[in-house]
PDB file of N, CA and C in Angstrom:
ATOM      1  N   UNK A   1     -11.435 -39.151  -6.607  1.00  0.00           N
ATOM      2  CA  UNK A   1     -11.298 -38.780  -5.325  1.00  0.00           C
ATOM      3  C   UNK A   1     -12.715 -38.222  -4.478  1.00  0.00           C
ATOM      4  N   UNK A   2     -12.423 -38.247  -3.297  1.00  0.00           N
ATOM      5  CA  UNK A   2     -13.617 -37.831  -2.287  1.00  0.00           C
ATOM      6  C   UNK A   2     -13.165 -36.830  -2.036  1.00  0.00           C
ATOM      7  N   UNK A   3     -14.161 -35.588  -1.908  1.00  0.00           N
ATOM      8  CA  UNK A   3     -13.830 -34.251  -1.409  1.00  0.00           C
ATOM      9  C   UNK A   3     -14.784 -33.925  -0.149  1.00  0.00           C
ATOM     10  N   UNK A   4     -14.234 -33.395   0.823  1.00  0.00           N
ATOM     11  CA  UNK A   4     -14.875 -32.922   1.861  1.00  0.00           C
ATOM     12  C   UNK A   4     -15.365 -31.532   1.761  1.00  0.00           C
ATOM     13  N   UNK A   5     -16.560 -31.084   1.454  1.00  0.00           N
ATOM     14  CA  UNK A   5     -16.884 -29.740   1.645  1.00  0.00           C
ATOM     15  C   UNK A   5     -17.514 -29.105   2.661  1.00  0.00           C
ATOM     16  N   UNK A   6     -16.938 -28.147   3.231  1.00  0.00           N
ATOM     17  CA  UNK A   6     -17.794 -27.551   4.411  1.00  0.00           C
ATOM     18  C   UNK A   6     -18.352 -26.227   4.030  1.00  0.00           C
ATOM     19  N   UNK A   7     -19.593 -25.960   4.327  1.00  0.00           N
ATOM     20  CA  UNK A   7     -20.479 -24.678   4.096  1.00  0.00           C
ATOM     21  C   UNK A   7     -21.172 -24.430   5.276  1.00  0.00           C
ATOM     22  N   UNK A   8     -21.593 -22.928   5.247  1.00  0.00           N
ATOM     23  CA  UNK A   8     -22.706 -22.815   6.092  1.00  0.00           C
ATOM     24  C   UNK A   8     -23.955 -22.228   5.448  1.00  0.00           C
ATOM     25  N   UNK A   9     -25.016 -22.549   5.864  1.00  0.00           N
ATOM     26  CA  UNK A   9     -26.167 -22.494   5.377  1.00  0.00           C
ATOM     27  C   UNK A   9     -27.101 -21.579   6.457  1.00  0.00           C
ATOM     28  N   UNK A  10     -27.070 -20.271   6.218  1.00  0.00           N
ATOM     29  CA  UNK A  10     -27.776 -19.430   6.940  1.00  0.00           C
ATOM     30  C   UNK A  10     -27.051 -19.677   8.418  1.00  0.00           C
ATOM     31  N   UNK A  11     -25.798 -19.533   8.317  1.00  0.00           N
ATOM     32  CA  UNK A  11     -25.009 -19.596   9.586  1.00  0.00           C
ATOM     33  C   UNK A  11     -24.838 -20.906  10.410  1.00  0.00           C
ATOM     34  N   UNK A  12     -25.355 -21.992   9.840  1.00  0.00           N
ATOM     35  CA  UNK A  12     -25.224 -23.336  10.443  1.00  0.00           C
ATOM     36  C   UNK A  12     -24.196 -24.222   9.768  1.00  0.00           C
ATOM     37  N   UNK A  13     -23.319 -24.640  10.276  1.00  0.00           N
ATOM     38  CA  UNK A  13     -22.194 -25.493   9.695  1.00  0.00           C
ATOM     39  C   UNK A  13     -22.499 -26.732   9.187  1.00  0.00           C
ATOM     40  N   UNK A  14     -22.376 -27.039   7.996  1.00  0.00           N
ATOM     41  CA  UNK A  14     -22.807 -28.129   7.407  1.00  0.00           C
ATOM     42  C   UNK A  14     -21.406 -28.757   6.606  1.00  0.00           C
ATOM     43  N   UNK A  15     -21.802 -30.051   6.251  1.00  0.00           N
ATOM     44  CA  UNK A  15     -21.055 -30.864   5.331  1.00  0.00           C
ATOM     45  C   UNK A  15     -21.315 -31.514   4.218  1.00  0.00           C
ATOM     46  N   UNK A  16     -20.622 -31.907   3.398  1.00  0.00           N
ATOM     47  CA  UNK A  16     -21.108 -32.753   2.042  1.00  0.00           C
ATOM     48  C   UNK A  16     -19.929 -33.236   1.671  1.00  0.00           C
ATOM     49  N   UNK A  17     -19.930 -34.612   1.310  1.00  0.00           N
ATOM     50  CA  UNK A  17     -19.058 -35.797   0.933  1.00  0.00           C
ATOM     51  C   UNK A  17     -19.359 -35.748  -0.367  1.00  0.00           C
ATOM     52  N   UNK A  18     -18.176 -35.548  -1.541  1.00  0.00           N
ATOM     53  CA  UNK A  18     -18.705 -35.713  -3.105  1.00  0.00           C
ATOM     54  C   UNK A  18     -17.503 -36.331  -3.856  1.00  0.00           C
ATOM     55  N   UNK A  19     -17.834 -36.688  -4.934  1.00  0.00           N
ATOM     56  CA  UNK A  19     -16.735 -37.442  -5.630  1.00  0.00           C
ATOM     57  C   UNK A  19     -16.405 -36.475  -7.079  1.00  0.00           C
ATOM     58  N   UNK A  20     -15.045 -36.521  -7.027  1.00  0.00           N
ATOM     59  CA  UNK A  20     -14.810 -35.695  -8.280  1.00  0.00           C
ATOM     60  C   UNK A  20     -13.348 -36.160  -8.580  1.00  0.00           C
ATOM     61  N   UNK A  21     -13.080 -36.336  -9.945  1.00  0.00           N
ATOM     62  CA  UNK A  21     -11.515 -36.627 -10.554  1.00  0.00           C
ATOM     63  C   UNK A  21     -10.488 -35.369  -9.997  1.00  0.00           C
ATOM     64  N   UNK A  22     -10.839 -34.106 -10.151  1.00  0.00           N
ATOM     65  CA  UNK A  22     -10.180 -33.194  -9.685  1.00  0.00           C
ATOM     66  C   UNK A  22     -11.095 -31.985  -8.698  1.00  0.00           C
ATOM     67  N   UNK A  23     -10.245 -30.951  -8.414  1.00  0.00           N
ATOM     68  CA  UNK A  23     -11.024 -30.177  -7.218  1.00  0.00           C
ATOM     69  C   UNK A  23     -12.257 -29.822  -8.025  1.00  0.00           C
ATOM     70  N   UNK A  24     -13.597 -30.039  -7.179  1.00  0.00           N
ATOM     71  CA  UNK A  24     -14.918 -29.644  -7.732  1.00  0.00           C
ATOM     72  C   UNK A  24     -15.072 -28.133  -8.073  1.00  0.00           C
ATOM     73  N   UNK A  25     -15.613 -27.912  -9.243  1.00  0.00           N
ATOM     74  CA  UNK A  25     -15.917 -26.798  -9.888  1.00  0.00           C
ATOM     75  C   UNK A  25     -16.970 -25.766  -8.949  1.00  0.00           C
ATOM     76  N   UNK A  26     -16.883 -24.689  -9.066  1.00  0.00           N
ATOM     77  CA  UNK A  26     -18.250 -24.150  -8.100  1.00  0.00           C
ATOM     78  C   UNK A  26     -19.414 -24.466  -8.661  1.00  0.00           C
ATOM     79  N   UNK A  27     -19.652 -24.779  -9.919  1.00  0.00           N
ATOM     80  CA  UNK A  27     -21.116 -25.332 -10.495  1.00  0.00           C
ATOM     81  C   UNK A  27     -21.360 -26.601  -9.806  1.00  0.00           C
ATOM     82  N   UNK A  28     -20.219 -27.626 -10.065  1.00  0.00           N
ATOM     83  CA  UNK A  28     -20.401 -28.710  -9.379  1.00  0.00           C
ATOM     84  C   UNK A  28     -20.939 -28.627  -7.828  1.00  0.00           C
ATOM     85  N   UNK A  29     -20.223 -27.932  -7.243  1.00  0.00           N
ATOM     86  CA  UNK A  29     -20.519 -27.859  -5.893  1.00  0.00           C
ATOM     87  C   UNK A  29     -21.823 -27.344  -5.424  1.00  0.00           C
ATOM     88  N   UNK A  30     -22.277 -26.185  -6.147  1.00  0.00           N
ATOM     89  CA  UNK A  30     -23.696 -25.624  -6.170  1.00  0.00           C
ATOM     90  C   UNK A  30     -24.821 -26.726  -6.611  1.00  0.00           C
ATOM     91  N   UNK A  31     -24.508 -27.465  -7.521  1.00  0.00           N
ATOM     92  CA  UNK A  31     -25.540 -28.476  -7.860  1.00  0.00           C
ATOM     93  C   UNK A  31     -25.526 -29.836  -6.403  1.00  0.00           C
ATOM     94  N   UNK A  32     -24.260 -30.295  -6.392  1.00  0.00           N
ATOM     95  CA  UNK A  32     -24.312 -31.359  -5.069  1.00  0.00           C
ATOM     96  C   UNK A  32     -25.008 -30.654  -3.853  1.00  0.00           C
ATOM     97  N   UNK A  33     -24.759 -29.219  -3.613  1.00  0.00           N
ATOM     98  CA  UNK A  33     -25.575 -28.591  -2.456  1.00  0.00           C
ATOM     99  C   UNK A  33     -27.012 -28.836  -2.695  1.00  0.00           C
ATOM    100  N   UNK A  34     -27.431 -28.257  -3.924  1.00  0.00           N
ATOM    101  CA  UNK A  34     -28.851 -28.263  -4.244  1.00  0.00           C
ATOM    102  C   UNK A  34     -29.277 -29.581  -4.000  1.00  0.00           C
ATOM    103  N   UNK A  35     -28.716 -30.396  -4.630  1.00  0.00           N
ATOM    104  CA  UNK A  35     -29.528 -31.895  -4.660  1.00  0.00           C
ATOM    105  C   UNK A  35     -29.521 -32.142  -2.944  1.00  0.00           C
ATOM    106  N   UNK A  36     -28.591 -31.855  -2.218  1.00  0.00           N
ATOM    107  CA  UNK A  36     -28.490 -31.989  -0.796  1.00  0.00           C
ATOM    108  C   UNK A  36     -29.678 -31.230   0.054  1.00  0.00           C
ATOM    109  N   UNK A  37     -29.598 -30.078  -0.422  1.00  0.00           N
ATOM    110  CA  UNK A  37     -30.419 -29.040   0.740  1.00  0.00           C
ATOM    111  C   UNK A  37     -31.878 -29.046   0.143  1.00  0.00           C
ATOM    112  N   UNK A  38     -31.968 -29.110  -1.174  1.00  0.00           N
ATOM    113  CA  UNK A  38     -33.408 -28.947  -1.877  1.00  0.00           C
ATOM    114  C   UNK A  38     -33.641 -30.034  -2.901  1.00  0.00           C
ATOM    115  N   UNK A  39     -33.981 -31.258  -2.122  1.00  0.00           N
ATOM    116  CA  UNK A  39     -34.252 -32.494  -2.990  1.00  0.00           C
ATOM    117  C   UNK A  39     -35.545 -32.333  -3.950  1.00  0.00           C
ATOM    118  N   UNK A  40     -35.183 -32.832  -5.104  1.00  0.00           N
ATOM    119  CA  UNK A  40     -36.288 -32.602  -5.935  1.00  0.00           C
ATOM    120  C   UNK A  40     -36.360 -31.442  -6.848  1.00  0.00           C
ATOM    121  N   UNK A  41     -35.845 -30.506  -6.622  1.00  0.00           N
ATOM    122  CA  UNK A  41     -35.867 -29.231  -7.411  1.00  0.00           C
ATOM    123  C   UNK A  41     -34.984 -29.637  -8.641  1.00  0.00           C
ATOM    124  N   UNK A  42     -35.556 -28.788  -9.770  1.00  0.00           N
ATOM    125  CA  UNK A  42     -34.958 -29.275 -10.982  1.00  0.00           C
ATOM    126  C   UNK A  42     -33.480 -28.213 -11.059  1.00  0.00           C
ATOM    127  N   UNK A  43     -32.322 -28.961 -11.610  1.00  0.00           N
ATOM    128  CA  UNK A  43     -31.143 -28.120 -11.911  1.00  0.00           C
ATOM    129  C   UNK A  43     -31.321 -27.184 -13.053  1.00  0.00           C
ATOM    130  N   UNK A  44     -31.079 -25.925 -12.634  1.00  0.00           N
ATOM    131  CA  UNK A  44     -31.095 -24.977 -13.753  1.00  0.00           C
ATOM    132  C   UNK A  44     -29.873 -24.833 -14.563  1.00  0.00           C
ATOM    133  N   UNK A  45     -29.812 -24.719 -15.774  1.00  0.00           N
ATOM    134  CA  UNK A  45     -28.641 -24.402 -16.310  1.00  0.00           C
ATOM    135  C   UNK A  45     -28.149 -23.129 -16.454  1.00  0.00           C
ATOM    136  N   UNK A  46     -27.249 -22.663 -15.747  1.00  0.00           N
ATOM    137  CA  UNK A  46     -26.661 -21.584 -15.459  1.00  0.00           C
ATOM    138  C   UNK A  46     -25.298 -21.512 -15.243  1.00  0.00           C
ATOM    139  N   UNK A  47     -24.858 -20.531 -15.625  1.00  0.00           N
ATOM    140  CA  UNK A  47     -23.142 -20.198 -15.535  1.00  0.00           C
ATOM    141  C   UNK A  47     -22.644 -19.929 -14.181  1.00  0.00           C
ATOM    142  N   UNK A  48     -21.206 -20.314 -13.972  1.00  0.00           N
ATOM    143  CA  UNK A  48     -20.834 -20.277 -12.918  1.00  0.00           C
ATOM    144  C   UNK A  48     -21.095 -19.113 -11.788  1.00  0.00           C
ATOM    145  N   UNK A  49     -21.009 -17.946 -12.641  1.00  0.00           N
ATOM    146  CA  UNK A  49     -21.246 -16.539 -11.810  1.00  0.00           C
ATOM    147  C   UNK A  49     -22.828 -16.653 -11.379  1.00  0.00           C
ATOM    148  N   UNK A  50     -23.634 -17.251 -11.926  1.00  0.00           N
ATOM    149  CA  UNK A  50     -25.149 -17.057 -11.512  1.00  0.00           C
ATOM    150  C   UNK A  50     -25.396 -18.329 -10.684  1.00  0.00           C
ATOM    151  N   UNK A  51     -24.444 -19.327 -10.569  1.00  0.00           N
ATOM    152  CA  UNK A  51     -24.687 -20.479  -9.278  1.00  0.00           C
ATOM    153  C   UNK A  51     -24.069 -19.694  -8.147  1.00  0.00           C
ATOM    154  N   UNK A  52     -23.011 -18.736  -8.160  1.00  0.00           N
ATOM    155  CA  UNK A  52     -22.128 -18.388  -7.210  1.00  0.00           C
ATOM    156  C   UNK A  52     -23.580 -17.362  -6.474  1.00  0.00           C
ATOM    157  N   UNK A  53     -23.939 -16.498  -7.369  1.00  0.00           N
ATOM    158  CA  UNK A  53     -24.929 -15.486  -7.044  1.00  0.00           C
ATOM    159  C   UNK A  53     -26.134 -16.302  -6.344  1.00  0.00           C
ATOM    160  N   UNK A  54     -26.474 -17.426  -6.925  1.00  0.00           N
ATOM    161  CA  UNK A  54     -27.761 -18.186  -6.412  1.00  0.00           C
ATOM    162  C   UNK A  54     -27.369 -18.927  -5.010  1.00  0.00           C
ATOM    163  N   UNK A  55     -26.010 -19.292  -4.629  1.00  0.00           N
ATOM    164  CA  UNK A  55     -25.578 -19.598  -3.463  1.00  0.00           C
ATOM    165  C   UNK A  55     -25.691 -18.603  -2.408  1.00  0.00           C
ATOM    166  N   UNK A  56     -25.251 -17.241  -2.676  1.00  0.00           N
ATOM    167  CA  UNK A  56     -25.530 -16.302  -1.910  1.00  0.00           C
ATOM    168  C   UNK A  56     -26.776 -15.712  -1.724  1.00  0.00           C
ATOM    169  N   UNK A  57     -27.616 -16.176  -2.698  1.00  0.00           N
ATOM    170  CA  UNK A  57     -29.232 -15.825  -2.385  1.00  0.00           C
ATOM    171  C   UNK A  57     -29.928 -16.729  -1.448  1.00  0.00           C
ATOM    172  N   UNK A  58     -29.395 -18.039  -1.308  1.00  0.00           N
ATOM    173  CA  UNK A  58     -30.019 -18.953  -0.590  1.00  0.00           C
ATOM    174  C   UNK A  58     -29.447 -18.774   0.831  1.00  0.00           C
ATOM    175  N   UNK A  59     -28.348 -18.156   1.026  1.00  0.00           N
ATOM    176  CA  UNK A  59     -27.820 -18.377   2.267  1.00  0.00           C
ATOM    177  C   UNK A  59     -26.707 -19.199   2.585  1.00  0.00           C
ATOM    178  N   UNK A  60     -26.088 -19.589   1.498  1.00  0.00           N
ATOM    179  CA  UNK A  60     -24.976 -20.626   1.690  1.00  0.00           C
ATOM    180  C   UNK A  60     -23.641 -19.783   1.157  1.00  0.00           C
ATOM    181  N   UNK A  61     -22.511 -20.284   2.177  1.00  0.00           N
ATOM    182  CA  UNK A  61     -21.238 -19.857   1.925  1.00  0.00           C
ATOM    183  C   UNK A  61     -20.226 -20.807   1.855  1.00  0.00           C
ATOM    184  N   UNK A  62     -19.323 -21.273   0.803  1.00  0.00           N
ATOM    185  CA  UNK A  62     -18.509 -22.559   0.789  1.00  0.00           C
ATOM    186  C   UNK A  62     -17.461 -21.991   1.719  1.00  0.00           C
ATOM    187  N   UNK A  63     -16.864 -22.603   2.747  1.00  0.00           N
ATOM    188  CA  UNK A  63     -15.851 -22.531   3.560  1.00  0.00           C
ATOM    189  C   UNK A  63     -14.721 -23.207   3.195  1.00  0.00           C
ATOM    190  N   UNK A  64     -14.710 -24.481   2.606  1.00  0.00           N
ATOM    191  CA  UNK A  64     -13.543 -25.195   2.672  1.00  0.00           C
ATOM    192  C   UNK A  64     -13.913 -26.339   1.714  1.00  0.00           C
ATOM    193  N   UNK A  65     -12.922 -26.948   0.983  1.00  0.00           N
ATOM    194  CA  UNK A  65     -12.945 -28.072   0.107  1.00  0.00           C
ATOM    195  C   UNK A  65     -11.753 -28.953   0.209  1.00  0.00           C
ATOM    196  N   UNK A  66     -11.704 -29.878   1.065  1.00  0.00           N
ATOM    197  CA  UNK A  66     -10.600 -30.769   1.175  1.00  0.00           C
ATOM    198  C   UNK A  66     -10.607 -32.025   0.542  1.00  0.00           C
ATOM    199  N   UNK A  67      -9.406 -32.624   0.057  1.00  0.00           N
ATOM    200  CA  UNK A  67      -9.298 -34.088  -0.227  1.00  0.00           C
ATOM    201  C   UNK A  67      -9.457 -35.015   0.818  1.00  0.00           C
ATOM    202  N   UNK A  68     -10.237 -36.086   0.514  1.00  0.00           N
ATOM    203  CA  UNK A  68     -10.305 -37.140   1.543  1.00  0.00           C
ATOM    204  C   UNK A  68      -9.724 -38.388   0.951  1.00  0.00           C
ATOM    205  N   UNK A  69      -8.764 -39.054   1.582  1.00  0.00           N
ATOM    206  CA  UNK A  69      -8.336 -40.296   1.420  1.00  0.00           C
ATOM    207  C   UNK A  69      -9.449 -41.385   1.531  1.00  0.00           C
ATOM    208  N   UNK A  70      -9.530 -42.284   0.516  1.00  0.00           N
ATOM    209  CA  UNK A  70     -10.533 -43.374   0.704  1.00  0.00           C
ATOM    210  C   UNK A  70     -10.055 -44.010   1.885  1.00  0.00           C
ATOM    211  N   UNK A  71     -11.214 -44.457   2.860  1.00  0.00           N
ATOM    212  CA  UNK A  71     -10.916 -45.045   4.058  1.00  0.00           C
ATOM    213  C   UNK A  71     -10.371 -46.565   3.901  1.00  0.00           C
ATOM    214  N   UNK A  72      -9.491 -46.975   4.946  1.00  0.00           N
ATOM    215  CA  UNK A  72      -9.013 -48.112   5.138  1.00  0.00           C
ATOM    216  C   UNK A  72     -10.252 -49.304   5.041  1.00  0.00           C
ATOM    217  N   UNK A  73     -10.306 -50.483   4.535  1.00  0.00           N
ATOM    218  CA  UNK A  73     -11.253 -51.376   5.031  1.00  0.00           C
ATOM    219  C   UNK A  73     -11.027 -51.792   6.241  1.00  0.00           C
ATOM    220  N   UNK A  74     -11.918 -52.130   7.043  1.00  0.00           N
ATOM    221  CA  UNK A  74     -11.732 -52.608   8.351  1.00  0.00           C
ATOM    222  C   UNK A  74     -11.249 -53.916   8.541  1.00  0.00           C
ATOM    223  N   UNK A  75     -10.328 -54.288   9.302  1.00  0.00           N
ATOM    224  CA  UNK A  75      -9.763 -55.284   9.638  1.00  0.00           C
ATOM    225  C   UNK A  75     -10.664 -56.438  10.331  1.00  0.00           C
ATOM    226  N   UNK A  76     -10.657 -57.527   9.774  1.00  0.00           N
ATOM    227  CA  UNK A  76     -11.392 -58.811  10.400  1.00  0.00           C
ATOM    228  C   UNK A  76     -10.620 -59.192  11.448  1.00  0.00           C
ATOM    229  N   UNK A  77     -10.943 -59.633  12.644  1.00  0.00           N
ATOM    230  CA  UNK A  77     -10.404 -60.253  13.757  1.00  0.00           C
ATOM    231  C   UNK A  77      -9.738 -61.793  12.840  1.00  0.00           C
ATOM    232  N   UNK A  78      -8.685 -62.276  12.971  1.00  0.00           N
ATOM    233  CA  UNK A  78      -8.010 -63.151  12.577  1.00  0.00           C
ATOM    234  C   UNK A  78      -7.298 -63.859  13.654  1.00  0.00           C
ATOM    235  N   UNK A  79      -7.326 -65.533  13.208  1.00  0.00           N
ATOM    236  CA  UNK A  79      -6.955 -66.393  14.447  1.00  0.00           C
ATOM    237  C   UNK A  79      -5.888 -67.162  13.865  1.00  0.00           C
ATOM    238  N   UNK A  80      -4.784 -67.113  14.381  1.00  0.00           N
ATOM    239  CA  UNK A  80      -3.649 -67.861  13.821  1.00  0.00           C
ATOM    240  C   UNK A  80      -3.422 -69.442  14.494  1.00  0.00           C
ATOM    241  N   UNK A  81      -3.232 -70.165  13.834  1.00  0.00           N
ATOM    242  CA  UNK A  81      -3.241 -71.733  14.404  1.00  0.00           C
ATOM    243  C   UNK A  81      -1.637 -72.130  14.045  1.00  0.00           C
ATOM    244  N   UNK A  82      -1.343 -72.632  15.099  1.00  0.00           N
ATOM    245  CA  UNK A  82       0.421 -72.997  14.815  1.00  0.00           C
ATOM    246  C   UNK A  82       0.419 -74.568  15.181  1.00  0.00           C
ATOM    247  N   UNK A  83       0.959 -74.987  14.063  1.00  0.00           N
ATOM    248  CA  UNK A  83       1.117 -76.595  14.089  1.00  0.00           C
ATOM    249  C   UNK A  83       2.628 -76.729  14.765  1.00  0.00           C
ATOM    250  N   UNK A  84       2.524 -77.385  15.943  1.00  0.00           N
ATOM    251  CA  UNK A  84       3.656 -77.508  16.467  1.00  0.00           C
ATOM    252  C   UNK A  84       3.835 -79.247  16.557  1.00  0.00           C
ATOM    253  N   UNK A  85       4.906 -79.674  16.157  1.00  0.00           N
ATOM    254  CA  UNK A  85       5.134 -80.827  15.886  1.00  0.00           C
ATOM    255  C   UNK A  85       5.927 -81.453  17.025  1.00  0.00           C
TER     256      UNK A  85
END
């Protein structure tokens, strides 16, 4: 399932779309945000409590996590030909 994560980074509202089978954990959220906001930095092996402290330290506040339905495929225009006899 896709999840839309809304968060603040130093007061600026940002969003992140991530995949997870169930509601993402705080640690998964922190890693996803780290990959997006600080690309190329190594992932530390930290506990969830330490990741929460890290998010606060770098000025990130998670506001909302909402499930997103998969978007429907766009429909292609179709033409119908009626055979009239």
